[in-house]
């Protein structure tokens, strides 16, 4: 938890309560349904929560923005972002039902009111549009963009254009070339100068 307070100083009492609860909740649920690797669970706040919040450091989402978390897994980056942006609506989607069971339980236990979940393949969502798609290392950028583009709204207001925001790591040159898009790259290490974030990036592809 200290690592969050190192970089963010304006959490409300409710946000502090919710972020603090996450450790015990993930440990409890991970014993029943493995959604985070055992070795990563000890680094929950830096490897998962702070990593997710790099998006919050780079983007200031307006109230009532609608965001879909594609392949949310154990709820990252969606749950930390939903705590950070209580007036933004998050829809967390995954094709694996047992992972969503954990996500739904954590949403209920923390009292998050701005999160919905859906058990679905992303390409099967046809009836909704979103301002942003967020994802964390779910698939190659080429596939992420193919799935995301049909879900994005047309830009109707000033600010960031609707788009895909993806957390990725390593040498991305070939992956970006094969995707056919030109994302804006942000180095997470320049936002949070911790060793874990070296060669980790936020990719933003506007619609």
C-alpha atoms as a PDB file:
ATOM      1  CA  UNK A   1       0.000   0.000   0.000  1.00  0.00           C
ATOM      2  CA  UNK A   2       2.907   2.378   0.735  1.00  0.00           C
ATOM      3  CA  UNK A   3       3.925   2.325  -2.922  1.00  0.00           C
ATOM      4  CA  UNK A   4       0.579   3.874  -3.911  1.00  0.00           C
ATOM      5  CA  UNK A   5       0.980   6.671  -1.370  1.00  0.00           C
ATOM      6  CA  UNK A   6       4.454   7.364  -2.716  1.00  0.00           C
ATOM      7  CA  UNK A   7       2.940   8.505  -6.016  1.00  0.00           C
ATOM      8  CA  UNK A   8      -0.639   9.542  -5.151  1.00  0.00           C
ATOM      9  CA  UNK A   9      -1.470  11.855  -2.262  1.00  0.00           C
ATOM     10  CA  UNK A  10      -5.098  12.836  -2.767  1.00  0.00           C
ATOM     11  CA  UNK A  11      -7.029   9.638  -2.113  1.00  0.00           C
ATOM     12  CA  UNK A  12     -10.288  10.035  -0.226  1.00  0.00           C
ATOM     13  CA  UNK A  13     -10.912   7.995   2.913  1.00  0.00           C
ATOM     14  CA  UNK A  14     -13.162   5.700   0.856  1.00  0.00           C
ATOM     15  CA  UNK A  15     -10.488   5.147  -1.778  1.00  0.00           C
ATOM     16  CA  UNK A  16      -7.916   4.361   0.910  1.00  0.00           C
ATOM     17  CA  UNK A  17     -10.329   1.864   2.448  1.00  0.00           C
ATOM     18  CA  UNK A  18     -10.957   0.202  -0.901  1.00  0.00           C
ATOM     19  CA  UNK A  19      -7.306  -0.003  -1.933  1.00  0.00           C
ATOM     20  CA  UNK A  20      -6.362  -1.379   1.506  1.00  0.00           C
ATOM     21  CA  UNK A  21      -9.023  -4.096   1.272  1.00  0.00           C
ATOM     22  CA  UNK A  22      -7.666  -5.446  -2.010  1.00  0.00           C
ATOM     23  CA  UNK A  23      -4.715  -7.318  -0.506  1.00  0.00           C
ATOM     24  CA  UNK A  24      -6.744  -9.505   1.846  1.00  0.00           C
ATOM     25  CA  UNK A  25      -9.470 -10.046  -0.761  1.00  0.00           C
ATOM     26  CA  UNK A  26      -7.073 -11.184  -3.470  1.00  0.00           C
ATOM     27  CA  UNK A  27      -5.204 -13.459  -1.057  1.00  0.00           C
ATOM     28  CA  UNK A  28      -8.464 -15.030   0.096  1.00  0.00           C
ATOM     29  CA  UNK A  29      -9.845 -15.548  -3.395  1.00  0.00           C
ATOM     30  CA  UNK A  30      -6.551 -16.630  -4.922  1.00  0.00           C
ATOM     31  CA  UNK A  31      -6.526 -19.659  -2.616  1.00  0.00           C
ATOM     32  CA  UNK A  32      -9.845 -20.748  -4.152  1.00  0.00           C
ATOM     33  CA  UNK A  33      -9.390 -19.620  -7.759  1.00  0.00           C
ATOM     34  CA  UNK A  34      -5.907 -18.813  -9.001  1.00  0.00           C
ATOM     35  CA  UNK A  35      -6.151 -15.470 -10.815  1.00  0.00           C
ATOM     36  CA  UNK A  36      -2.723 -14.087  -9.851  1.00  0.00           C
ATOM     37  CA  UNK A  37       0.480 -16.115  -9.838  1.00  0.00           C
ATOM     38  CA  UNK A  38       1.606 -16.940  -6.300  1.00  0.00           C
ATOM     39  CA  UNK A  39       4.929 -15.095  -6.676  1.00  0.00           C
ATOM     40  CA  UNK A  40       3.150 -11.963  -7.980  1.00  0.00           C
ATOM     41  CA  UNK A  41       0.652 -11.863  -5.129  1.00  0.00           C
ATOM     42  CA  UNK A  42       3.334 -10.560  -2.749  1.00  0.00           C
ATOM     43  CA  UNK A  43       3.870  -7.673  -5.167  1.00  0.00           C
ATOM     44  CA  UNK A  44       0.155  -6.950  -5.596  1.00  0.00           C
ATOM     45  CA  UNK A  45       0.425  -3.201  -5.000  1.00  0.00           C
ATOM     46  CA  UNK A  46       3.316  -2.530  -7.369  1.00  0.00           C
ATOM     47  CA  UNK A  47       3.028  -5.253 -10.025  1.00  0.00           C
ATOM     48  CA  UNK A  48      -0.756  -5.081 -10.391  1.00  0.00           C
ATOM     49  CA  UNK A  49      -2.355  -2.059  -8.723  1.00  0.00           C
ATOM     50  CA  UNK A  50       0.267   0.633  -9.364  1.00  0.00           C
ATOM     51  CA  UNK A  51       0.819  -0.807 -12.860  1.00  0.00           C
ATOM     52  CA  UNK A  52      -2.911  -0.376 -13.513  1.00  0.00           C
ATOM     53  CA  UNK A  53      -2.832   3.151 -12.104  1.00  0.00           C
ATOM     54  CA  UNK A  54      -0.172   4.219 -14.592  1.00  0.00           C
ATOM     55  CA  UNK A  55      -3.183   4.779 -16.864  1.00  0.00           C
ATOM     56  CA  UNK A  56      -4.654   7.138 -14.254  1.00  0.00           C
ATOM     57  CA  UNK A  57      -1.361   9.039 -14.172  1.00  0.00           C
ATOM     58  CA  UNK A  58      -1.411   9.459 -17.954  1.00  0.00           C
ATOM     59  CA  UNK A  59      -5.135  10.040 -18.593  1.00  0.00           C
ATOM     60  CA  UNK A  60      -7.600  12.204 -16.681  1.00  0.00           C
ATOM     61  CA  UNK A  61     -10.958  10.640 -17.540  1.00  0.00           C
ATOM     62  CA  UNK A  62     -13.977  12.930 -17.313  1.00  0.00           C
ATOM     63  CA  UNK A  63     -16.962  11.973 -15.148  1.00  0.00           C
ATOM     64  CA  UNK A  64     -19.395   9.593 -16.889  1.00  0.00           C
ATOM     65  CA  UNK A  65     -16.739   8.338 -19.307  1.00  0.00           C
ATOM     66  CA  UNK A  66     -17.518   4.722 -20.279  1.00  0.00           C
ATOM     67  CA  UNK A  67     -14.596   2.288 -20.333  1.00  0.00           C
ATOM     68  CA  UNK A  68     -14.447  -1.424 -21.159  1.00  0.00           C
ATOM     69  CA  UNK A  69     -11.673  -3.610 -19.740  1.00  0.00           C
ATOM     70  CA  UNK A  70     -10.938  -6.218 -22.395  1.00  0.00           C
ATOM     71  CA  UNK A  71      -9.855  -9.560 -20.925  1.00  0.00           C
ATOM     72  CA  UNK A  72      -9.883  -8.239 -17.362  1.00  0.00           C
ATOM     73  CA  UNK A  73      -8.590 -11.492 -15.823  1.00  0.00           C
ATOM     74  CA  UNK A  74      -8.424 -10.853 -12.089  1.00  0.00           C
ATOM     75  CA  UNK A  75      -9.723  -7.312 -12.547  1.00  0.00           C
ATOM     76  CA  UNK A  76      -6.696  -5.420 -13.868  1.00  0.00           C
ATOM     77  CA  UNK A  77      -6.514  -2.648 -14.814  1.00  0.00           C
ATOM     78  CA  UNK A  78     -10.274  -2.203 -14.319  1.00  0.00           C
ATOM     79  CA  UNK A  79     -10.704  -2.492 -10.542  1.00  0.00           C
ATOM     80  CA  UNK A  80      -7.867  -0.116  -9.502  1.00  0.00           C
ATOM     81  CA  UNK A  81      -9.022   2.381 -12.145  1.00  0.00           C
ATOM     82  CA  UNK A  82     -12.625   2.130 -10.924  1.00  0.00           C
ATOM     83  CA  UNK A  83     -11.481   2.944  -7.388  1.00  0.00           C
ATOM     84  CA  UNK A  84      -9.409   5.874  -8.677  1.00  0.00           C
ATOM     85  CA  UNK A  85     -12.210   7.242 -10.901  1.00  0.00           C
ATOM     86  CA  UNK A  86     -15.459   6.690  -8.936  1.00  0.00           C
ATOM     87  CA  UNK A  87     -17.490   8.807 -11.394  1.00  0.00           C
ATOM     88  CA  UNK A  88     -16.345   6.812 -14.460  1.00  0.00           C
ATOM     89  CA  UNK A  89     -18.252   3.710 -15.576  1.00  0.00           C
ATOM     90  CA  UNK A  90     -16.242   0.497 -16.054  1.00  0.00           C
ATOM     91  CA  UNK A  91     -17.410  -2.676 -17.814  1.00  0.00           C
ATOM     92  CA  UNK A  92     -15.098  -5.622 -17.087  1.00  0.00           C
ATOM     93  CA  UNK A  93     -15.233  -8.447 -19.638  1.00  0.00           C
ATOM     94  CA  UNK A  94     -13.569 -11.849 -19.731  1.00  0.00           C
ATOM     95  CA  UNK A  95     -14.247 -15.137 -21.474  1.00  0.00           C
ATOM     96  CA  UNK A  96     -13.324 -17.174 -18.364  1.00  0.00           C
ATOM     97  CA  UNK A  97     -16.248 -17.317 -15.939  1.00  0.00           C
ATOM     98  CA  UNK A  98     -14.278 -18.273 -12.816  1.00  0.00           C
ATOM     99  CA  UNK A  99     -12.110 -15.160 -13.131  1.00  0.00           C
ATOM    100  CA  UNK A 100     -15.198 -12.972 -13.335  1.00  0.00           C
ATOM    101  CA  UNK A 101     -16.531 -14.676 -10.208  1.00  0.00           C
ATOM    102  CA  UNK A 102     -13.487 -13.327  -8.337  1.00  0.00           C
ATOM    103  CA  UNK A 103     -13.855  -9.901  -9.935  1.00  0.00           C
ATOM    104  CA  UNK A 104     -17.547  -9.684  -9.009  1.00  0.00           C
ATOM    105  CA  UNK A 105     -16.846 -10.725  -5.415  1.00  0.00           C
ATOM    106  CA  UNK A 106     -14.111  -8.096  -5.035  1.00  0.00           C
ATOM    107  CA  UNK A 107     -16.338  -5.418  -6.588  1.00  0.00           C
ATOM    108  CA  UNK A 108     -19.074  -6.251  -4.063  1.00  0.00           C
ATOM    109  CA  UNK A 109     -16.712  -6.492  -1.078  1.00  0.00           C
ATOM    110  CA  UNK A 110     -15.138  -3.102  -1.794  1.00  0.00           C
ATOM    111  CA  UNK A 111     -18.507  -1.474  -2.443  1.00  0.00           C
ATOM    112  CA  UNK A 112     -17.698  -0.303  -5.964  1.00  0.00           C
ATOM    113  CA  UNK A 113     -20.826   1.100  -7.610  1.00  0.00           C
ATOM    114  CA  UNK A 114     -19.299   1.980 -10.999  1.00  0.00           C
ATOM    115  CA  UNK A 115     -18.380  -1.516 -12.212  1.00  0.00           C
ATOM    116  CA  UNK A 116     -20.352  -4.032 -14.263  1.00  0.00           C
ATOM    117  CA  UNK A 117     -19.088  -7.395 -15.502  1.00  0.00           C
ATOM    118  CA  UNK A 118     -19.839  -9.601 -18.487  1.00  0.00           C
ATOM    119  CA  UNK A 119     -18.847 -13.167 -19.314  1.00  0.00           C
ATOM    120  CA  UNK A 120     -18.185 -12.884 -23.033  1.00  0.00           C
ATOM    121  CA  UNK A 121     -15.626 -12.958 -25.783  1.00  0.00           C
ATOM    122  CA  UNK A 122     -14.885  -9.365 -26.682  1.00  0.00           C
ATOM    123  CA  UNK A 123     -15.817  -9.873 -30.341  1.00  0.00           C
ATOM    124  CA  UNK A 124     -19.309 -10.981 -29.287  1.00  0.00           C
ATOM    125  CA  UNK A 125     -20.192  -7.602 -27.749  1.00  0.00           C
ATOM    126  CA  UNK A 126     -22.287  -5.891 -30.402  1.00  0.00           C
ATOM    127  CA  UNK A 127     -24.754  -3.598 -28.665  1.00  0.00           C
ATOM    128  CA  UNK A 128     -22.590  -1.090 -26.785  1.00  0.00           C
ATOM    129  CA  UNK A 129     -20.043   1.635 -27.508  1.00  0.00           C
ATOM    130  CA  UNK A 130     -17.365   2.955 -25.164  1.00  0.00           C
ATOM    131  CA  UNK A 131     -15.080   5.966 -24.864  1.00  0.00           C
ATOM    132  CA  UNK A 132     -12.017   3.791 -24.190  1.00  0.00           C
ATOM    133  CA  UNK A 133     -10.937   0.185 -24.258  1.00  0.00           C
ATOM    134  CA  UNK A 134      -8.266  -0.704 -21.672  1.00  0.00           C
ATOM    135  CA  UNK A 135      -6.290  -3.929 -21.547  1.00  0.00           C
ATOM    136  CA  UNK A 136      -3.232  -5.436 -19.952  1.00  0.00           C
ATOM    137  CA  UNK A 137      -1.085  -7.779 -22.075  1.00  0.00           C
ATOM    138  CA  UNK A 138      -4.086  -9.756 -23.315  1.00  0.00           C
ATOM    139  CA  UNK A 139      -3.097 -10.258 -26.956  1.00  0.00           C
ATOM    140  CA  UNK A 140      -0.942  -8.764 -29.735  1.00  0.00           C
ATOM    141  CA  UNK A 141      -1.714  -5.136 -30.565  1.00  0.00           C
ATOM    142  CA  UNK A 142      -3.017  -6.165 -34.006  1.00  0.00           C
ATOM    143  CA  UNK A 143      -5.758  -8.267 -32.395  1.00  0.00           C
ATOM    144  CA  UNK A 144      -6.480  -5.767 -29.634  1.00  0.00           C
ATOM    145  CA  UNK A 145      -7.122  -3.048 -32.189  1.00  0.00           C
ATOM    146  CA  UNK A 146      -9.284  -5.310 -34.375  1.00  0.00           C
ATOM    147  CA  UNK A 147     -11.476  -6.127 -31.358  1.00  0.00           C
ATOM    148  CA  UNK A 148     -11.467  -2.605 -29.916  1.00  0.00           C
ATOM    149  CA  UNK A 149     -12.225  -0.420 -32.917  1.00  0.00           C
ATOM    150  CA  UNK A 150     -15.863  -1.578 -33.363  1.00  0.00           C
ATOM    151  CA  UNK A 151     -16.537  -0.872 -29.675  1.00  0.00           C
ATOM    152  CA  UNK A 152     -15.324   2.728 -29.697  1.00  0.00           C
ATOM    153  CA  UNK A 153     -17.532   5.787 -29.929  1.00  0.00           C
ATOM    154  CA  UNK A 154     -16.974   8.458 -32.529  1.00  0.00           C
ATOM    155  CA  UNK A 155     -15.390  11.508 -30.911  1.00  0.00           C
ATOM    156  CA  UNK A 156     -18.118  13.942 -29.888  1.00  0.00           C
ATOM    157  CA  UNK A 157     -16.411  16.166 -27.308  1.00  0.00           C
ATOM    158  CA  UNK A 158     -13.021  17.807 -26.715  1.00  0.00           C
ATOM    159  CA  UNK A 159     -10.262  16.015 -24.842  1.00  0.00           C
ATOM    160  CA  UNK A 160      -8.755  12.617 -25.561  1.00  0.00           C
ATOM    161  CA  UNK A 161     -10.180  10.902 -28.618  1.00  0.00           C
ATOM    162  CA  UNK A 162     -11.854   7.549 -27.941  1.00  0.00           C
ATOM    163  CA  UNK A 163      -9.241   4.831 -28.282  1.00  0.00           C
ATOM    164  CA  UNK A 164      -7.431   1.755 -27.043  1.00  0.00           C
ATOM    165  CA  UNK A 165      -5.159   2.068 -23.992  1.00  0.00           C
ATOM    166  CA  UNK A 166      -2.991  -1.011 -23.525  1.00  0.00           C
ATOM    167  CA  UNK A 167      -0.341  -1.914 -20.957  1.00  0.00           C
ATOM    168  CA  UNK A 168       2.513  -3.860 -22.544  1.00  0.00           C
ATOM    169  CA  UNK A 169       6.172  -4.657 -21.979  1.00  0.00           C
ATOM    170  CA  UNK A 170       9.380  -5.599 -23.743  1.00  0.00           C
ATOM    171  CA  UNK A 171      10.507  -4.892 -27.303  1.00  0.00           C
ATOM    172  CA  UNK A 172       7.322  -3.890 -29.113  1.00  0.00           C
ATOM    173  CA  UNK A 173       8.799  -2.888 -32.480  1.00  0.00           C
ATOM    174  CA  UNK A 174       7.635  -5.944 -34.446  1.00  0.00           C
ATOM    175  CA  UNK A 175       4.259  -6.061 -32.714  1.00  0.00           C
ATOM    176  CA  UNK A 176       3.591  -2.402 -33.541  1.00  0.00           C
ATOM    177  CA  UNK A 177       4.744  -2.855 -37.131  1.00  0.00           C
ATOM    178  CA  UNK A 178       2.451  -5.856 -37.620  1.00  0.00           C
ATOM    179  CA  UNK A 179      -0.506  -4.007 -36.097  1.00  0.00           C
ATOM    180  CA  UNK A 180      -0.694  -1.406 -38.857  1.00  0.00           C
ATOM    181  CA  UNK A 181      -1.351   1.359 -36.322  1.00  0.00           C
ATOM    182  CA  UNK A 182       0.916   4.016 -34.852  1.00  0.00           C
ATOM    183  CA  UNK A 183       0.270   4.135 -31.105  1.00  0.00           C
ATOM    184  CA  UNK A 184       1.504   6.848 -28.814  1.00  0.00           C
ATOM    185  CA  UNK A 185       4.017   5.193 -26.443  1.00  0.00           C
ATOM    186  CA  UNK A 186       4.480   6.322 -22.857  1.00  0.00           C
ATOM    187  CA  UNK A 187       7.221   4.810 -20.696  1.00  0.00           C
ATOM    188  CA  UNK A 188       5.833   3.803 -17.314  1.00  0.00           C
ATOM    189  CA  UNK A 189       9.307   4.078 -15.777  1.00  0.00           C
ATOM    190  CA  UNK A 190       9.197   7.829 -16.487  1.00  0.00           C
ATOM    191  CA  UNK A 191       5.934   8.027 -14.480  1.00  0.00           C
ATOM    192  CA  UNK A 192       6.855   5.597 -11.691  1.00  0.00           C
ATOM    193  CA  UNK A 193      10.679   5.201 -11.579  1.00  0.00           C
ATOM    194  CA  UNK A 194      10.660   1.736 -10.027  1.00  0.00           C
ATOM    195  CA  UNK A 195      12.862  -1.081 -11.364  1.00  0.00           C
ATOM    196  CA  UNK A 196       9.805  -3.249 -12.136  1.00  0.00           C
ATOM    197  CA  UNK A 197       8.556  -0.732 -14.708  1.00  0.00           C
ATOM    198  CA  UNK A 198      11.625  -0.674 -16.918  1.00  0.00           C
ATOM    199  CA  UNK A 199      10.628  -1.598 -20.476  1.00  0.00           C
ATOM    200  CA  UNK A 200       6.933  -1.352 -19.611  1.00  0.00           C
ATOM    201  CA  UNK A 201       4.716   0.966 -21.637  1.00  0.00           C
ATOM    202  CA  UNK A 202       1.285   2.481 -22.061  1.00  0.00           C
ATOM    203  CA  UNK A 203       0.165   2.313 -25.699  1.00  0.00           C
ATOM    204  CA  UNK A 204      -2.610   4.662 -26.819  1.00  0.00           C
ATOM    205  CA  UNK A 205      -4.263   4.174 -30.195  1.00  0.00           C
ATOM    206  CA  UNK A 206      -6.880   6.877 -30.905  1.00  0.00           C
ATOM    207  CA  UNK A 207      -9.833   5.886 -33.038  1.00  0.00           C
END
